[in-house]
Amino acid sequence: MKVIAIIPARLAATRLPRKPLLSIAGKPMIQWVWEKATSVKTLEGVYVATPDREIFDAVEAFGGKAIMTSDSHQSGTDRLAEAAETLNSDIVVNIQGDEPLIDPNSILLPLNALLDNPDIPMASLMCPCPEKERDNPACVKVVCDRFGNALYFSRHGIPYQRNPDPEMPIRQHVGMYVYRRDFLLLYSRMERTPLERTEGLEQLRVIENGYKIRMCAIEKAPLSVDTPKDLEGVKKILLQSR
């Protein structure tokens, strides 16, 4: 079974423009992400999907592989699907281009979930939600059934803690996905659904259409780079680790 990873990246980020190419300890951020992904030996190829020639050229310059995609996509999933259509694979790993601190072991968890469970079309990650983030709508929460499949994702703090149970903590969704390629292409063609539009969360489209998302637990979400403050924090961590 052939497994590849695709990293969607674009220059037009709202809060931190040009962030894939921002320098961190002498390398563009997208290179840090690419290097973390290529350290996972199960992946037979790692590609950056981008609408921007400048990102394409930067990836090629450090020895990576890039694919030009349309500049009209409304989501990273649409960009991922366009790139996946041109590549031979069975499973596609979607790695966020703004997480240079991602743990390669976190990539393996949802990947192995699909390899071990042929009836699961898609998998993702979750972790305990820090208390300070429970009321933050930018921090997406997830609740699961007893088999580890997502029941619902929300920007609200779910489940409501009327009778707190240690077996049912509030969990944060970590936005890394693994798809069976055929399902990814199907998913990208589905119409947007009511809950997806209401919450502004495209993964709800999967659940609303009756498909499963297997959730895998990690201890902590990696620090993603969304603001100048995040960037400085990541620079400090990576410089200290050298």
Protein backbone atom coordinates (compact mmCIF):
# COMPACT_ATOMS: atom_id res chain seq x y z
CA MET A 1 0.00 0.00 0.00
CA LYS A 2 1.55 3.27 -1.13
CA VAL A 3 1.47 6.17 1.34
CA ILE A 4 2.36 9.77 0.49
CA ALA A 5 2.15 13.09 2.33
CA ILE A 6 1.02 16.41 0.89
CA ILE A 7 1.66 19.75 2.60
CA PRO A 8 -0.71 22.50 1.37
CA ALA A 9 0.97 25.93 1.50
CA ARG A 10 0.16 29.41 0.24
CA LEU A 11 1.49 32.93 0.70
CA ALA A 12 -1.85 34.63 1.32
CA ALA A 13 -2.30 33.84 5.02
CA THR A 14 -4.58 36.40 6.69
CA ARG A 15 -2.84 36.85 10.06
CA LEU A 16 0.75 36.20 8.99
CA PRO A 17 1.29 36.78 5.24
CA ARG A 18 4.01 34.78 3.46
CA LYS A 19 4.46 32.53 6.48
CA PRO A 20 5.60 29.37 4.60
CA LEU A 21 8.70 31.30 3.51
CA LEU A 22 9.45 33.08 6.78
CA SER A 23 12.93 32.21 8.01
CA ILE A 24 13.34 30.10 11.15
CA ALA A 25 16.93 29.39 12.21
CA GLY A 26 18.15 29.86 8.66
CA LYS A 27 15.48 27.82 6.85
CA PRO A 28 12.06 28.70 5.46
CA MET A 29 9.28 27.34 7.65
CA ILE A 30 8.02 25.03 4.91
CA GLN A 31 11.43 23.31 4.86
CA TRP A 32 11.20 22.47 8.57
CA VAL A 33 7.79 20.87 7.99
CA TRP A 34 9.04 18.97 4.92
CA GLU A 35 12.07 17.64 6.81
CA LYS A 36 9.88 16.39 9.68
CA ALA A 37 7.62 14.61 7.19
CA THR A 38 10.46 13.01 5.23
CA SER A 39 11.83 11.51 8.46
CA VAL A 40 8.77 9.20 8.52
CA LYS A 41 10.01 6.16 6.60
CA THR A 42 6.49 4.85 5.89
CA LEU A 43 5.94 7.81 3.55
CA GLU A 44 7.04 7.02 0.00
CA GLY A 45 6.84 10.63 -1.08
CA VAL A 46 6.36 14.09 0.43
CA TYR A 47 5.01 16.92 -1.72
CA VAL A 48 4.16 20.59 -1.18
CA ALA A 49 0.96 21.69 -2.96
CA THR A 50 0.89 25.42 -3.64
CA PRO A 51 -0.66 28.06 -5.91
CA ASP A 52 2.43 30.25 -5.55
CA ARG A 53 5.45 30.00 -7.84
CA GLU A 54 7.65 31.51 -5.12
CA ILE A 55 6.87 28.63 -2.73
CA PHE A 56 7.30 26.11 -5.57
CA ASP A 57 10.76 27.48 -6.36
CA ALA A 58 11.79 27.58 -2.67
CA VAL A 59 10.80 23.92 -2.19
CA GLU A 60 12.65 22.84 -5.31
CA ALA A 61 15.70 24.83 -4.15
CA PHE A 62 16.04 22.86 -0.89
CA GLY A 63 15.54 19.54 -2.69
CA GLY A 64 11.85 18.99 -2.08
CA LYS A 65 9.04 18.20 -4.51
CA ALA A 66 6.30 20.73 -5.21
CA ILE A 67 3.07 20.68 -7.21
CA MET A 68 1.40 23.78 -8.60
CA THR A 69 -2.33 23.97 -7.87
CA SER A 70 -5.18 26.36 -8.59
CA ASP A 71 -5.31 29.67 -6.73
CA SER A 72 -9.12 29.47 -6.44
CA HIS A 73 -9.37 26.77 -3.74
CA GLN A 74 -11.33 27.75 -0.63
CA SER A 75 -9.65 25.19 1.64
CA GLY A 76 -6.48 23.20 2.09
CA THR A 77 -8.50 20.01 1.53
CA ASP A 78 -9.46 21.15 -1.98
CA ARG A 79 -5.81 21.90 -2.72
CA LEU A 80 -4.84 18.51 -1.29
CA ALA A 81 -7.37 16.71 -3.49
CA GLU A 82 -6.19 18.45 -6.66
CA ALA A 83 -2.61 17.39 -5.94
CA ALA A 84 -3.65 13.85 -4.97
CA GLU A 85 -5.40 13.37 -8.32
CA THR A 86 -2.02 13.67 -10.06
CA LEU A 87 -0.19 11.24 -7.75
CA ASN A 88 -0.24 7.45 -7.50
CA SER A 89 -1.07 6.46 -3.92
CA ASP A 90 -3.47 4.53 -1.70
CA ILE A 91 -3.29 6.76 1.39
CA VAL A 92 -2.70 10.51 1.60
CA VAL A 93 -1.41 12.24 4.73
CA ASN A 94 -2.32 15.92 5.03
CA ILE A 95 0.32 17.78 7.05
CA GLN A 96 -0.22 21.43 7.93
CA GLY A 97 2.42 23.74 6.50
CA ASP A 98 2.51 25.95 9.61
CA GLU A 99 3.59 23.28 12.13
CA PRO A 100 7.40 23.08 12.01
CA LEU A 101 7.40 21.41 15.45
CA ILE A 102 5.18 18.48 14.48
CA ASP A 103 6.30 15.18 16.02
CA PRO A 104 6.87 12.51 13.34
CA ASN A 105 5.31 9.97 15.73
CA SER A 106 2.09 11.99 15.55
CA ILE A 107 2.03 11.37 11.82
CA LEU A 108 2.31 7.62 12.33
CA LEU A 109 -0.62 7.32 14.76
CA PRO A 110 -3.49 8.17 12.37
CA LEU A 111 -1.63 6.54 9.49
CA ASN A 112 -1.44 3.24 11.35
CA ALA A 113 -5.13 3.58 12.26
CA LEU A 114 -5.97 3.40 8.54
CA LEU A 115 -3.46 0.66 7.81
CA ASP A 116 -4.89 -1.48 10.63
CA ASN A 117 -8.59 -0.75 9.95
CA PRO A 118 -9.56 -1.12 6.28
CA ASP A 119 -13.12 0.06 6.95
CA ILE A 120 -12.00 3.49 8.24
CA PRO A 121 -11.74 6.10 5.45
CA MET A 122 -10.10 8.90 7.43
CA ALA A 123 -8.23 9.55 10.68
CA SER A 124 -7.04 12.55 12.68
CA LEU A 125 -5.57 13.61 16.04
CA MET A 126 -6.81 14.95 19.36
CA CYS A 127 -5.31 15.88 22.72
CA PRO A 128 -6.50 17.16 26.12
CA CYS A 129 -7.82 20.69 25.73
CA PRO A 130 -5.97 23.21 27.91
CA GLU A 131 -8.36 24.91 30.30
CA LYS A 132 -7.49 28.35 28.93
CA GLU A 133 -8.59 27.25 25.46
CA ARG A 134 -11.98 25.78 26.35
CA ASP A 135 -13.87 28.99 25.56
CA ASN A 136 -11.71 29.91 22.57
CA PRO A 137 -13.67 29.37 19.32
CA ALA A 138 -10.41 29.14 17.38
CA CYS A 139 -9.62 25.97 19.35
CA VAL A 140 -11.77 23.18 17.90
CA LYS A 141 -13.08 20.49 20.26
CA VAL A 142 -14.10 16.92 19.47
CA VAL A 143 -16.17 14.21 21.16
CA CYS A 144 -15.86 10.52 20.24
CA ASP A 145 -17.78 7.29 20.56
CA ARG A 146 -16.42 4.33 22.56
CA PHE A 147 -14.52 3.08 19.53
CA GLY A 148 -12.58 6.30 19.04
CA ASN A 149 -14.61 7.62 16.11
CA ALA A 150 -15.54 11.30 16.08
CA LEU A 151 -19.16 12.05 16.94
CA TYR A 152 -18.92 15.82 16.56
CA PHE A 153 -16.50 18.72 16.21
CA SER A 154 -17.32 22.16 17.59
CA ARG A 155 -15.86 25.55 18.34
CA HIS A 156 -17.86 25.38 21.57
CA GLY A 157 -16.61 23.58 24.68
CA ILE A 158 -18.04 20.08 24.31
CA PRO A 159 -19.12 18.00 26.12
CA TYR A 160 -20.84 20.34 28.56
CA GLN A 161 -19.41 19.49 32.01
CA ARG A 162 -22.65 19.23 34.02
CA ASN A 163 -21.36 16.06 35.72
CA PRO A 164 -17.60 15.99 35.03
CA ASP A 165 -16.30 12.49 34.33
CA PRO A 166 -12.55 11.74 34.17
CA GLU A 167 -13.26 9.36 31.28
CA MET A 168 -14.86 12.17 29.28
CA PRO A 169 -12.50 15.17 29.27
CA ILE A 170 -12.74 18.05 26.84
CA ARG A 171 -10.48 17.20 23.91
CA GLN A 172 -8.90 19.52 21.39
CA HIS A 173 -8.82 18.56 17.74
CA VAL A 174 -5.35 18.66 16.17
CA GLY A 175 -5.71 19.37 12.46
CA MET A 176 -3.65 16.65 10.82
CA TYR A 177 -5.56 14.21 8.61
CA VAL A 178 -4.93 10.89 6.91
CA TYR A 179 -7.25 9.79 4.09
CA ARG A 180 -7.70 6.88 1.79
CA ARG A 181 -7.07 8.55 -1.55
CA ASP A 182 -10.39 7.49 -3.10
CA PHE A 183 -12.27 8.86 -0.11
CA LEU A 184 -10.35 12.16 -0.22
CA LEU A 185 -11.39 12.67 -3.83
CA LEU A 186 -15.00 11.78 -2.99
CA TYR A 187 -15.01 14.07 0.05
CA SER A 188 -13.69 17.03 -1.93
CA ARG A 189 -16.62 16.70 -4.34
CA MET A 190 -19.34 16.55 -1.66
CA GLU A 191 -21.53 19.60 -1.24
CA ARG A 192 -21.00 21.67 1.89
CA THR A 193 -23.33 20.57 4.68
CA PRO A 194 -25.46 22.53 7.18
CA LEU A 195 -23.36 21.82 10.28
CA GLU A 196 -20.17 22.48 8.33
CA ARG A 197 -21.47 25.89 7.30
CA THR A 198 -22.77 26.67 10.80
CA GLU A 199 -19.54 25.84 12.67
CA GLY A 200 -17.17 26.72 9.82
CA LEU A 201 -15.55 23.27 10.12
CA GLU A 202 -15.21 21.26 6.93
CA GLN A 203 -14.57 17.93 8.72
CA LEU A 204 -18.22 17.96 9.79
CA ARG A 205 -19.08 17.25 6.14
CA VAL A 206 -17.65 13.75 6.64
CA ILE A 207 -19.81 13.01 9.69
CA GLU A 208 -22.94 14.55 8.19
CA ASN A 209 -22.58 12.19 5.23
CA GLY A 210 -22.34 9.15 7.50
CA TYR A 211 -18.61 8.40 7.28
CA LYS A 212 -16.22 7.73 10.17
CA ILE A 213 -13.20 9.68 11.33
CA ARG A 214 -10.96 7.68 13.67
CA MET A 215 -9.39 9.93 16.31
CA CYS A 216 -5.94 9.14 17.75
CA ALA A 217 -4.77 10.65 21.04
CA ILE A 218 -1.54 12.56 21.59
CA GLU A 219 -0.43 14.37 24.74
CA LYS A 220 -0.24 17.92 23.41
CA ALA A 221 -0.92 19.91 20.25
CA PRO A 222 2.19 21.16 18.43
CA LEU A 223 2.63 24.91 18.36
CA SER A 224 1.39 26.16 15.00
CA VAL A 225 2.52 29.48 13.53
CA ASP A 226 -0.45 31.82 13.10
CA THR A 227 0.90 35.10 14.52
CA PRO A 228 4.25 36.92 14.87
CA LYS A 229 4.27 35.85 18.55
CA ASP A 230 3.92 32.18 17.52
CA LEU A 231 6.78 32.62 15.08
CA GLU A 232 9.10 33.98 17.75
CA GLY A 233 8.16 31.11 20.08
CA VAL A 234 8.93 28.49 17.43
CA LYS A 235 12.23 30.20 16.54
CA LYS A 236 13.28 30.06 20.20
CA ILE A 237 12.43 26.36 20.53
CA LEU A 238 14.21 25.35 17.33
CA LEU A 239 17.31 27.42 18.08
CA GLN A 240 17.55 25.83 21.52
CA SER A 241 17.26 22.34 20.03
CA ARG A 242 20.18 22.78 17.62
